[in-house]
Amino acid sequence: MVALCAMMAVAACNSTKPVTTQNKITPTDKLLGKKPVSALEKAPFNEWYSKEYNGYTPDTATIELLKPLLASKQITVFLGTWCGDSRREVPRFIHVLTAAGFPEKRLTIITVDNTAEAYKQSPGHEEAGLNIFRVPTFVVNSNGKEAGRIIEAPVQSLEKDLLAIVQGTAYTPRYAAGQYFMDRLPHSPLGQFNFPAGLKTSGASELNSIGLLLKAAGKPDQAMVAFRTNAVHYPQDAAILASLASGNLAVKDTGSARANLLRALELDPANEAALKLQAIIGK
């Protein structure tokens, strides 16, 4: 594989600001939809793919334990070719699977978008119903049911996290609060969401990215649950208040949108998200 110059800067996977249509990465720099591994081995993606694949040395002892346990599993990988975490973890993960003799026919790769209009969605919407809110996400299925998932990055290592999942031992992925939220949101009232004691988000971006994802998916009421809950936990974060205001606007609550936008600008007059929203709804 010949390394070529990258065609784009790596975008943040969990940014509070999805790329707008005007600034989006061109189609030649971004894969979308269901793709074979070979698509990642071609320019311009092969520079980062080859570097991480060849530069990663799988844990051979754990690989030997994985081999018989992976035999009947199906794995789906959701990633963004625009995402730094995906660029790092996906090639390494595929190297682990290759070392374990995992057949590519049992591996499905879904590449998703980063535009505001299709945030973390694929054209075929293979992510629908799977609560994919961080990329990359590695979903392991056994006998048609999900056995577990690695979210964005491993807790210990790709090999050890994968082994815990296929062995059926206790495993809690990163962003457990976000997954808890997504799993229970459809069955919760459309108000502020309450987490159980001891379960906390990793930071302001966790629920914010979920809210942006839900808004892009045409679920503004559910997005508002994420935005509202997040604003309770991070009331002094201008970007979070700007997202809340954008959610207000999506559910046609212009009065609340203006009030939350004003709060955001008072906290940070130069906040980019708030200023863009101000241009939309006026002063």
Protein backbone atom coordinates (compact mmCIF):
# COMPACT_ATOMS: atom_id res chain seq x y z
CA MET A 1 0.00 0.00 0.00
CA VAL A 2 1.54 3.29 -1.07
CA ALA A 3 1.03 6.20 1.29
CA LEU A 4 -0.25 9.34 -0.39
CA CYS A 5 -0.72 12.84 0.91
CA ALA A 6 -3.92 13.27 2.92
CA MET A 7 -6.55 15.34 1.19
CA MET A 8 -8.11 16.87 4.30
CA ALA A 9 -7.58 17.80 7.91
CA VAL A 10 -9.06 15.43 10.46
CA ALA A 11 -12.39 16.67 11.76
CA ALA A 12 -13.33 16.15 15.39
CA CYS A 13 -15.60 13.11 15.72
CA ASN A 14 -17.52 14.50 18.64
CA SER A 15 -17.56 18.15 17.81
CA THR A 16 -20.45 20.20 19.06
CA LYS A 17 -20.51 21.66 15.55
CA PRO A 18 -21.29 19.27 12.70
CA VAL A 19 -19.88 20.43 9.39
CA THR A 20 -22.34 22.60 7.48
CA THR A 21 -23.23 22.03 3.85
CA GLN A 22 -21.18 25.06 2.84
CA ASN A 23 -18.03 23.77 4.56
CA LYS A 24 -18.43 20.04 4.18
CA ILE A 25 -15.67 17.77 3.00
CA THR A 26 -15.95 16.93 -0.68
CA PRO A 27 -17.23 13.46 -1.68
CA THR A 28 -13.79 12.50 -2.97
CA ASP A 29 -12.42 12.99 0.55
CA LYS A 30 -15.19 11.15 2.37
CA LEU A 31 -16.71 7.70 2.08
CA LEU A 32 -20.43 7.28 2.70
CA GLY A 33 -22.45 4.11 3.04
CA LYS A 34 -21.61 0.41 3.10
CA LYS A 35 -18.04 -0.19 1.93
CA PRO A 36 -15.55 -3.07 1.65
CA VAL A 37 -12.22 -2.93 3.46
CA SER A 38 -10.55 -2.36 0.10
CA ALA A 39 -12.16 1.10 -0.10
CA LEU A 40 -10.04 2.18 2.87
CA GLU A 41 -6.92 0.87 1.15
CA LYS A 42 -7.28 3.35 -1.71
CA ALA A 43 -6.24 7.00 -1.91
CA PRO A 44 -6.73 9.31 -0.14
CA PHE A 45 -7.78 7.08 2.77
CA ASN A 46 -4.86 4.67 2.51
CA GLU A 47 -2.39 7.11 4.04
CA TRP A 48 -3.93 6.95 7.50
CA TYR A 49 -5.31 3.43 7.06
CA SER A 50 -1.97 1.88 6.11
CA LYS A 51 -0.08 3.82 8.75
CA GLU A 52 -2.29 2.63 11.61
CA TYR A 53 -2.80 -0.90 10.27
CA ASN A 54 0.89 -1.57 9.74
CA GLY A 55 1.98 0.32 12.83
CA TYR A 56 -0.20 -1.68 15.22
CA THR A 57 1.02 -4.95 16.74
CA PRO A 58 -1.85 -7.13 17.98
CA ASP A 59 -1.56 -8.92 21.32
CA THR A 60 -0.85 -12.46 20.13
CA ALA A 61 -1.85 -14.14 23.40
CA THR A 62 -5.27 -12.52 23.34
CA ILE A 63 -5.61 -13.17 19.61
CA GLU A 64 -5.27 -16.91 20.25
CA LEU A 65 -8.11 -16.73 22.77
CA LEU A 66 -10.23 -14.74 20.32
CA LYS A 67 -9.90 -17.11 17.36
CA PRO A 68 -12.41 -19.82 18.39
CA LEU A 69 -14.79 -17.33 20.03
CA LEU A 70 -15.09 -15.12 16.96
CA ALA A 71 -15.95 -18.00 14.63
CA SER A 72 -19.72 -17.53 14.73
CA LYS A 73 -19.86 -13.75 15.28
CA GLN A 74 -20.91 -10.93 12.97
CA ILE A 75 -19.29 -7.52 13.40
CA THR A 76 -20.46 -4.15 12.09
CA VAL A 77 -18.16 -1.14 12.18
CA PHE A 78 -19.56 2.39 11.99
CA LEU A 79 -16.95 5.03 11.21
CA GLY A 80 -16.35 8.42 9.68
CA THR A 81 -13.42 8.79 7.30
CA TRP A 82 -13.39 12.43 8.45
CA CYS A 83 -12.92 11.37 12.09
CA GLY A 84 -9.58 11.14 13.86
CA ASP A 85 -10.73 8.40 16.26
CA SER A 86 -12.02 6.34 13.33
CA ARG A 87 -8.77 6.83 11.45
CA ARG A 88 -6.84 5.53 14.43
CA GLU A 89 -9.00 2.71 15.77
CA VAL A 90 -10.58 1.18 12.66
CA PRO A 91 -7.33 0.13 10.91
CA ARG A 92 -6.07 -1.31 14.19
CA PHE A 93 -9.34 -3.18 14.74
CA ILE A 94 -9.25 -4.66 11.25
CA HIS A 95 -5.64 -5.74 11.87
CA VAL A 96 -6.83 -7.52 15.04
CA LEU A 97 -9.58 -9.29 13.09
CA THR A 98 -7.16 -10.27 10.34
CA ALA A 99 -4.71 -11.69 12.88
CA ALA A 100 -7.56 -13.68 14.43
CA GLY A 101 -8.53 -15.09 11.04
CA PHE A 102 -11.92 -13.41 11.07
CA PRO A 103 -13.48 -13.68 7.58
CA GLU A 104 -14.30 -10.41 5.86
CA LYS A 105 -17.70 -11.78 4.80
CA ARG A 106 -18.72 -11.55 8.46
CA LEU A 107 -17.57 -7.91 8.69
CA THR A 108 -19.77 -4.99 7.63
CA ILE A 109 -18.32 -1.50 7.34
CA ILE A 110 -20.66 1.49 7.36
CA THR A 111 -19.24 4.96 6.74
CA VAL A 112 -21.30 7.88 8.03
CA ASP A 113 -21.56 11.60 7.35
CA ASN A 114 -20.60 14.63 9.43
CA THR A 115 -22.83 17.29 7.91
CA ALA A 116 -25.46 19.00 10.05
CA GLU A 117 -28.12 17.59 7.74
CA ALA A 118 -27.01 13.95 8.06
CA TYR A 119 -24.98 13.90 11.27
CA LYS A 120 -23.53 10.39 11.81
CA GLN A 121 -25.95 8.94 9.27
CA SER A 122 -25.26 6.79 6.22
CA PRO A 123 -27.19 7.16 2.95
CA GLY A 124 -28.78 3.74 3.49
CA HIS A 125 -29.48 4.47 7.18
CA GLU A 126 -27.95 1.22 8.35
CA GLU A 127 -27.41 2.99 11.69
CA ALA A 128 -31.17 3.38 12.25
CA GLY A 129 -32.33 1.83 15.50
CA LEU A 130 -28.79 0.96 16.62
CA ASN A 131 -28.17 4.09 18.72
CA ILE A 132 -24.88 5.00 17.07
CA PHE A 133 -23.85 8.29 18.67
CA ARG A 134 -20.04 8.04 18.61
CA VAL A 135 -17.71 6.89 15.86
CA PRO A 136 -16.14 4.55 15.51
CA THR A 137 -18.52 2.05 17.08
CA PHE A 138 -17.80 -1.67 16.77
CA VAL A 139 -20.95 -3.76 17.22
CA VAL A 140 -20.54 -7.50 17.86
CA ASN A 141 -23.52 -9.73 17.13
CA SER A 142 -24.02 -13.35 18.15
CA ASN A 143 -26.93 -15.40 16.81
CA GLY A 144 -28.68 -12.28 15.57
CA LYS A 145 -28.41 -10.40 18.87
CA GLU A 146 -25.96 -7.78 20.01
CA ALA A 147 -23.35 -9.20 22.35
CA GLY A 148 -21.69 -5.85 23.02
CA ARG A 149 -19.98 -2.87 21.47
CA ILE A 150 -16.79 -0.87 21.71
CA ILE A 151 -17.61 2.83 21.55
CA GLU A 152 -15.05 5.19 20.02
CA ALA A 153 -11.98 3.66 21.71
CA PRO A 154 -11.27 0.61 23.85
CA VAL A 155 -11.28 0.67 27.64
CA GLN A 156 -8.24 -1.63 27.92
CA SER A 157 -7.25 -2.59 24.38
CA LEU A 158 -9.12 -3.59 21.25
CA GLU A 159 -8.17 -7.23 21.78
CA LYS A 160 -9.08 -7.38 25.46
CA ASP A 161 -12.31 -5.43 25.07
CA LEU A 162 -13.34 -7.67 22.18
CA LEU A 163 -12.46 -10.77 24.20
CA ALA A 164 -14.61 -9.62 27.12
CA ILE A 165 -17.55 -9.13 24.75
CA VAL A 166 -17.29 -12.51 23.01
CA GLN A 167 -16.67 -14.31 26.32
CA GLY A 168 -19.81 -12.75 27.75
CA THR A 169 -17.99 -11.31 30.76
CA ALA A 170 -18.83 -7.96 32.33
CA TYR A 171 -17.86 -5.14 30.00
CA THR A 172 -18.80 -1.47 30.14
CA PRO A 173 -17.76 0.57 27.10
CA ARG A 174 -16.80 4.21 27.07
CA TYR A 175 -19.70 6.67 27.06
CA ALA A 176 -21.92 4.34 29.06
CA ALA A 177 -24.10 7.30 30.07
CA GLY A 178 -24.74 8.20 26.45
CA GLN A 179 -25.63 4.63 25.61
CA TYR A 180 -27.95 4.46 28.64
CA PHE A 181 -29.62 7.66 27.42
CA MET A 182 -30.06 6.41 23.86
CA ASP A 183 -31.35 3.00 24.94
CA ARG A 184 -34.01 4.45 27.25
CA LEU A 185 -34.98 7.66 25.48
CA PRO A 186 -37.73 6.07 23.30
CA HIS A 187 -39.45 4.82 26.46
CA SER A 188 -39.03 8.00 28.53
CA PRO A 189 -41.30 11.04 28.79
CA LEU A 190 -40.20 14.06 26.74
CA GLY A 191 -38.85 16.03 29.67
CA GLN A 192 -35.57 16.22 31.51
CA PHE A 193 -33.84 12.84 31.61
CA ASN A 194 -32.56 11.50 34.92
CA PHE A 195 -29.51 9.26 35.14
CA PRO A 196 -29.21 6.70 37.92
CA ALA A 197 -26.87 7.50 40.79
CA GLY A 198 -23.24 7.04 39.86
CA LEU A 199 -23.73 7.27 36.10
CA LYS A 200 -22.38 10.50 34.64
CA THR A 201 -21.55 11.78 31.19
CA SER A 202 -17.89 12.10 30.26
CA GLY A 203 -18.32 15.79 29.51
CA ALA A 204 -20.53 18.36 27.86
CA SER A 205 -20.06 16.94 24.36
CA GLU A 206 -21.55 13.52 25.15
CA LEU A 207 -25.23 14.52 25.31
CA ASN A 208 -24.70 17.49 23.01
CA SER A 209 -23.58 15.28 20.13
CA ILE A 210 -26.57 13.02 20.79
CA GLY A 211 -28.90 16.02 20.61
CA LEU A 212 -27.36 17.13 17.32
CA LEU A 213 -27.67 13.60 15.98
CA LEU A 214 -31.36 13.36 16.94
CA LYS A 215 -32.10 16.78 15.48
CA ALA A 216 -30.46 15.79 12.18
CA ALA A 217 -32.49 12.57 12.21
CA GLY A 218 -35.73 14.56 12.30
CA LYS A 219 -36.47 13.94 15.99
CA PRO A 220 -36.44 17.47 17.44
CA ASP A 221 -38.52 16.58 20.50
CA GLN A 222 -36.08 13.84 21.52
CA ALA A 223 -33.17 16.15 20.70
CA MET A 224 -34.62 18.67 23.14
CA VAL A 225 -34.49 16.07 25.93
CA ALA A 226 -30.74 15.74 25.34
CA PHE A 227 -30.17 19.48 25.05
CA ARG A 228 -32.30 20.34 28.07
CA THR A 229 -30.73 17.67 30.26
CA ASN A 230 -27.26 18.74 29.20
CA ALA A 231 -27.96 22.39 29.97
CA VAL A 232 -28.94 21.43 33.53
CA HIS A 233 -25.55 19.80 34.02
CA TYR A 234 -23.55 22.48 32.16
CA PRO A 235 -25.48 25.74 32.70
CA GLN A 236 -22.40 27.95 32.17
CA ASP A 237 -21.32 26.41 28.85
CA ALA A 238 -22.10 28.80 26.00
CA ALA A 239 -21.87 26.11 23.31
CA ILE A 240 -24.36 23.92 25.20
CA LEU A 241 -26.79 26.81 25.58
CA ALA A 242 -26.43 27.58 21.88
CA SER A 243 -27.34 23.97 21.10
CA LEU A 244 -30.33 24.25 23.42
CA ALA A 245 -31.40 27.39 21.55
CA SER A 246 -31.06 25.56 18.23
CA GLY A 247 -33.27 22.81 19.64
CA ASN A 248 -35.82 25.38 20.76
CA LEU A 249 -35.85 26.72 17.22
CA ALA A 250 -36.32 23.21 15.80
CA VAL A 251 -39.47 22.73 17.88
CA LYS A 252 -40.63 26.24 16.90
CA ASP A 253 -40.19 27.76 20.36
CA THR A 254 -38.67 31.02 19.18
CA GLY A 255 -39.07 32.78 22.52
CA SER A 256 -37.01 30.20 24.39
CA ALA A 257 -34.52 30.10 21.53
CA ARG A 258 -33.89 33.83 21.87
CA ALA A 259 -33.60 33.61 25.66
CA ASN A 260 -31.10 30.75 25.58
CA LEU A 261 -29.16 32.39 22.77
CA LEU A 262 -28.91 35.57 24.84
CA ARG A 263 -27.56 33.57 27.80
CA ALA A 264 -25.00 31.91 25.55
CA LEU A 265 -23.78 35.24 24.17
CA GLU A 266 -23.60 36.76 27.64
CA LEU A 267 -21.31 33.90 28.69
CA ASP A 268 -19.23 34.02 25.51
CA PRO A 269 -19.89 36.88 23.06
CA ALA A 270 -17.53 35.27 20.53
CA ASN A 271 -19.06 31.79 20.62
CA GLU A 272 -19.21 30.63 17.01
CA ALA A 273 -22.32 28.45 17.32
CA ALA A 274 -24.23 31.23 19.10
CA LEU A 275 -23.23 33.84 16.53
CA LYS A 276 -24.33 31.61 13.65
CA LEU A 277 -27.66 31.04 15.34
CA GLN A 278 -28.04 34.75 16.00
CA ALA A 279 -27.67 35.38 12.28
CA ILE A 280 -30.58 33.00 11.69
CA ILE A 281 -33.08 34.22 14.29
CA GLY A 282 -31.93 37.84 14.55
CA LYS A 283 -31.00 39.95 17.56
